[in-house]
Amino acid sequence: ERIVTNLLQLTRCHNQTSILDLEEFSVGSLVKDCWKRTSDIANRKDLTLDDRISPSEKVISDKAKLEIILQKIIDSAAF
């Protein structure tokens, strides 16, 4: 269900039918949150996250949409 929802959201973004909800947030925290969801599988494969993002590094973006993209990248690397 999560995969289908994410794909639909990405399709809407691509078709520009989705409104961006811009906010400032820590990209490092977002990456760590995404990694936590995949870390059990990654640990079984001896994969680690080489986190070089400063905790003070901020971005202005649509957090929910960026989270979808980052989670897909991390999941792809771990699976």
N, C-alpha and C. Protein backbone atom coordinates (compact mmCIF):
# COMPACT_ATOMS: atom_id res chain seq x y z
N GLU A 1 0.83 -1.20 0.00
CA GLU A 1 0.00 0.00 0.00
C GLU A 1 0.88 1.26 0.00
N ARG A 2 1.95 1.24 0.82
CA ARG A 2 2.84 2.40 0.89
C ARG A 2 3.51 2.65 -0.45
N ILE A 3 3.91 1.60 -1.13
CA ILE A 3 4.57 1.75 -2.43
C ILE A 3 3.62 2.38 -3.44
N VAL A 4 2.40 1.90 -3.48
CA VAL A 4 1.41 2.44 -4.43
C VAL A 4 1.15 3.91 -4.13
N THR A 5 0.97 4.24 -2.86
CA THR A 5 0.74 5.64 -2.48
C THR A 5 1.91 6.52 -2.90
N ASN A 6 3.13 6.05 -2.64
CA ASN A 6 4.31 6.81 -3.02
C ASN A 6 4.41 7.00 -4.53
N LEU A 7 4.13 5.95 -5.27
CA LEU A 7 4.19 6.06 -6.74
C LEU A 7 3.14 7.03 -7.27
N LEU A 8 1.95 7.00 -6.69
CA LEU A 8 0.92 7.95 -7.10
C LEU A 8 1.33 9.38 -6.79
N GLN A 9 1.94 9.59 -5.64
CA GLN A 9 2.39 10.93 -5.28
C GLN A 9 3.49 11.41 -6.24
N LEU A 10 4.42 10.54 -6.57
CA LEU A 10 5.49 10.93 -7.49
C LEU A 10 4.93 11.22 -8.89
N THR A 11 3.95 10.45 -9.31
CA THR A 11 3.32 10.69 -10.60
C THR A 11 2.64 12.05 -10.62
N ARG A 12 1.95 12.38 -9.55
CA ARG A 12 1.30 13.69 -9.46
C ARG A 12 2.33 14.81 -9.52
N CYS A 13 3.45 14.62 -8.86
CA CYS A 13 4.53 15.62 -8.89
C CYS A 13 5.04 15.79 -10.32
N HIS A 14 5.24 14.66 -10.98
CA HIS A 14 5.74 14.69 -12.34
C HIS A 14 4.75 15.38 -13.28
N ASN A 15 3.47 15.15 -13.06
CA ASN A 15 2.43 15.76 -13.89
C ASN A 15 2.06 17.16 -13.43
N GLN A 16 2.71 17.63 -12.40
CA GLN A 16 2.50 18.96 -11.84
C GLN A 16 1.05 19.18 -11.38
N THR A 17 0.43 18.11 -10.89
CA THR A 17 -0.93 18.25 -10.36
C THR A 17 -0.91 18.29 -8.84
N SER A 18 0.27 18.32 -8.28
CA SER A 18 0.41 18.35 -6.84
C SER A 18 0.97 19.71 -6.42
N ILE A 19 0.46 20.23 -5.34
CA ILE A 19 0.93 21.51 -4.83
C ILE A 19 2.11 21.27 -3.90
N LEU A 20 3.16 22.08 -4.05
CA LEU A 20 4.31 21.97 -3.18
C LEU A 20 4.03 22.64 -1.85
N ASP A 21 4.45 22.01 -0.80
CA ASP A 21 4.32 22.55 0.55
C ASP A 21 5.74 22.83 1.05
N LEU A 22 6.28 24.00 0.72
CA LEU A 22 7.66 24.32 1.03
C LEU A 22 7.83 24.67 2.50
N GLU A 23 8.91 24.15 3.07
CA GLU A 23 9.26 24.45 4.45
C GLU A 23 10.76 24.27 4.61
N GLU A 24 11.32 24.88 5.64
CA GLU A 24 12.74 24.71 5.94
C GLU A 24 12.87 23.59 6.98
N PHE A 25 13.81 22.67 6.73
CA PHE A 25 14.02 21.56 7.65
C PHE A 25 15.44 21.03 7.50
N SER A 26 15.83 20.21 8.45
CA SER A 26 17.16 19.59 8.45
C SER A 26 17.15 18.38 7.52
N VAL A 27 17.93 18.46 6.47
CA VAL A 27 17.99 17.35 5.52
C VAL A 27 18.69 16.15 6.16
N GLY A 28 19.63 16.39 7.07
CA GLY A 28 20.31 15.29 7.75
C GLY A 28 19.36 14.46 8.59
N SER A 29 18.46 15.12 9.29
CA SER A 29 17.46 14.40 10.09
C SER A 29 16.54 13.57 9.21
N LEU A 30 16.19 14.13 8.06
CA LEU A 30 15.31 13.41 7.14
C LEU A 30 16.00 12.15 6.61
N VAL A 31 17.27 12.27 6.24
CA VAL A 31 18.03 11.11 5.76
C VAL A 31 18.11 10.05 6.85
N LYS A 32 18.39 10.46 8.08
CA LYS A 32 18.47 9.50 9.19
C LYS A 32 17.14 8.80 9.42
N ASP A 33 16.03 9.54 9.34
CA ASP A 33 14.71 8.93 9.50
C ASP A 33 14.45 7.89 8.43
N CYS A 34 14.79 8.22 7.20
CA CYS A 34 14.60 7.27 6.09
C CYS A 34 15.49 6.03 6.29
N TRP A 35 16.72 6.25 6.74
CA TRP A 35 17.64 5.14 6.96
C TRP A 35 17.11 4.20 8.05
N LYS A 36 16.54 4.76 9.10
CA LYS A 36 16.01 3.93 10.20
C LYS A 36 14.99 2.93 9.70
N ARG A 37 14.17 3.34 8.74
CA ARG A 37 13.13 2.44 8.20
C ARG A 37 13.72 1.27 7.44
N THR A 38 14.94 1.42 6.96
CA THR A 38 15.58 0.39 6.14
C THR A 38 16.74 -0.29 6.87
N SER A 39 17.10 0.21 8.03
CA SER A 39 18.32 -0.25 8.69
C SER A 39 18.32 -1.73 9.07
N ASP A 40 17.18 -2.31 9.42
CA ASP A 40 17.15 -3.74 9.76
C ASP A 40 17.62 -4.59 8.58
N ILE A 41 17.11 -4.30 7.41
CA ILE A 41 17.50 -5.04 6.21
C ILE A 41 18.96 -4.74 5.87
N ALA A 42 19.33 -3.48 5.96
CA ALA A 42 20.71 -3.09 5.64
C ALA A 42 21.70 -3.73 6.60
N ASN A 43 21.37 -3.80 7.87
CA ASN A 43 22.26 -4.42 8.85
C ASN A 43 22.50 -5.89 8.56
N ARG A 44 21.46 -6.58 8.12
CA ARG A 44 21.62 -8.00 7.76
C ARG A 44 22.57 -8.18 6.58
N LYS A 45 22.71 -7.15 5.77
CA LYS A 45 23.62 -7.20 4.62
C LYS A 45 24.93 -6.47 4.89
N ASP A 46 25.16 -6.12 6.15
CA ASP A 46 26.37 -5.38 6.58
C ASP A 46 26.52 -4.04 5.86
N LEU A 47 25.40 -3.39 5.58
CA LEU A 47 25.43 -2.06 4.98
C LEU A 47 25.32 -1.01 6.07
N THR A 48 26.03 0.08 5.90
CA THR A 48 25.97 1.18 6.86
C THR A 48 25.74 2.49 6.10
N LEU A 49 25.29 3.47 6.84
CA LEU A 49 25.09 4.80 6.28
C LEU A 49 26.30 5.65 6.64
N ASP A 50 27.00 6.15 5.64
CA ASP A 50 28.14 7.05 5.86
C ASP A 50 27.58 8.47 5.84
N ASP A 51 27.15 8.92 7.01
CA ASP A 51 26.44 10.18 7.14
C ASP A 51 27.44 11.34 7.21
N ARG A 52 27.48 12.14 6.18
CA ARG A 52 28.38 13.30 6.14
C ARG A 52 27.60 14.61 6.08
N ILE A 53 26.34 14.55 6.39
CA ILE A 53 25.50 15.74 6.34
C ILE A 53 25.52 16.40 7.71
N SER A 54 25.88 17.66 7.74
CA SER A 54 25.92 18.41 8.99
C SER A 54 24.51 18.52 9.57
N PRO A 55 24.37 18.30 10.88
CA PRO A 55 23.04 18.43 11.50
C PRO A 55 22.44 19.83 11.33
N SER A 56 23.29 20.81 11.10
CA SER A 56 22.79 22.18 10.94
C SER A 56 22.41 22.51 9.48
N GLU A 57 22.66 21.58 8.57
CA GLU A 57 22.35 21.81 7.15
C GLU A 57 20.84 21.82 6.95
N LYS A 58 20.34 22.93 6.44
CA LYS A 58 18.90 23.09 6.22
C LYS A 58 18.61 23.23 4.72
N VAL A 59 17.44 22.81 4.33
CA VAL A 59 16.97 22.99 2.96
C VAL A 59 15.55 23.55 3.01
N ILE A 60 15.13 24.15 1.92
CA ILE A 60 13.74 24.56 1.76
C ILE A 60 13.18 23.73 0.62
N SER A 61 12.23 22.88 0.96
CA SER A 61 11.68 21.95 -0.02
C SER A 61 10.34 21.44 0.51
N ASP A 62 9.70 20.62 -0.29
CA ASP A 62 8.51 19.92 0.16
C ASP A 62 9.01 18.66 0.87
N LYS A 63 8.96 18.68 2.18
CA LYS A 63 9.55 17.61 2.99
C LYS A 63 8.94 16.24 2.67
N ALA A 64 7.65 16.17 2.54
CA ALA A 64 6.99 14.89 2.28
C ALA A 64 7.42 14.30 0.94
N LYS A 65 7.53 15.13 -0.06
CA LYS A 65 7.92 14.64 -1.39
C LYS A 65 9.40 14.26 -1.42
N LEU A 66 10.24 15.06 -0.77
CA LEU A 66 11.66 14.73 -0.71
C LEU A 66 11.87 13.44 0.08
N GLU A 67 11.06 13.24 1.11
CA GLU A 67 11.16 12.01 1.88
C GLU A 67 10.84 10.79 1.03
N ILE A 68 9.85 10.90 0.18
CA ILE A 68 9.51 9.79 -0.73
C ILE A 68 10.70 9.46 -1.61
N ILE A 69 11.32 10.48 -2.17
CA ILE A 69 12.46 10.27 -3.07
C ILE A 69 13.65 9.66 -2.32
N LEU A 70 13.99 10.23 -1.16
CA LEU A 70 15.11 9.71 -0.38
C LEU A 70 14.86 8.27 0.06
N GLN A 71 13.64 7.98 0.49
CA GLN A 71 13.34 6.62 0.92
C GLN A 71 13.50 5.64 -0.23
N LYS A 72 13.07 6.02 -1.40
CA LYS A 72 13.22 5.15 -2.58
C LYS A 72 14.69 4.88 -2.87
N ILE A 73 15.52 5.91 -2.79
CA ILE A 73 16.96 5.75 -3.05
C ILE A 73 17.58 4.82 -2.02
N ILE A 74 17.28 5.05 -0.75
CA ILE A 74 17.85 4.22 0.32
C ILE A 74 17.34 2.79 0.21
N ASP A 75 16.05 2.62 -0.03
CA ASP A 75 15.50 1.26 -0.20
C ASP A 75 16.16 0.54 -1.38
N SER A 76 16.35 1.24 -2.47
CA SER A 76 16.98 0.63 -3.65
C SER A 76 18.40 0.19 -3.35
N ALA A 77 19.12 0.97 -2.58
CA ALA A 77 20.49 0.63 -2.24
C ALA A 77 20.55 -0.59 -1.30
N ALA A 78 19.57 -0.71 -0.42
CA ALA A 78 19.58 -1.79 0.57
C ALA A 78 19.00 -3.10 0.05
N PHE A 79 18.09 -3.04 -0.90
CA PHE A 79 17.44 -4.26 -1.37
C PHE A 79 18.13 -4.82 -2.53
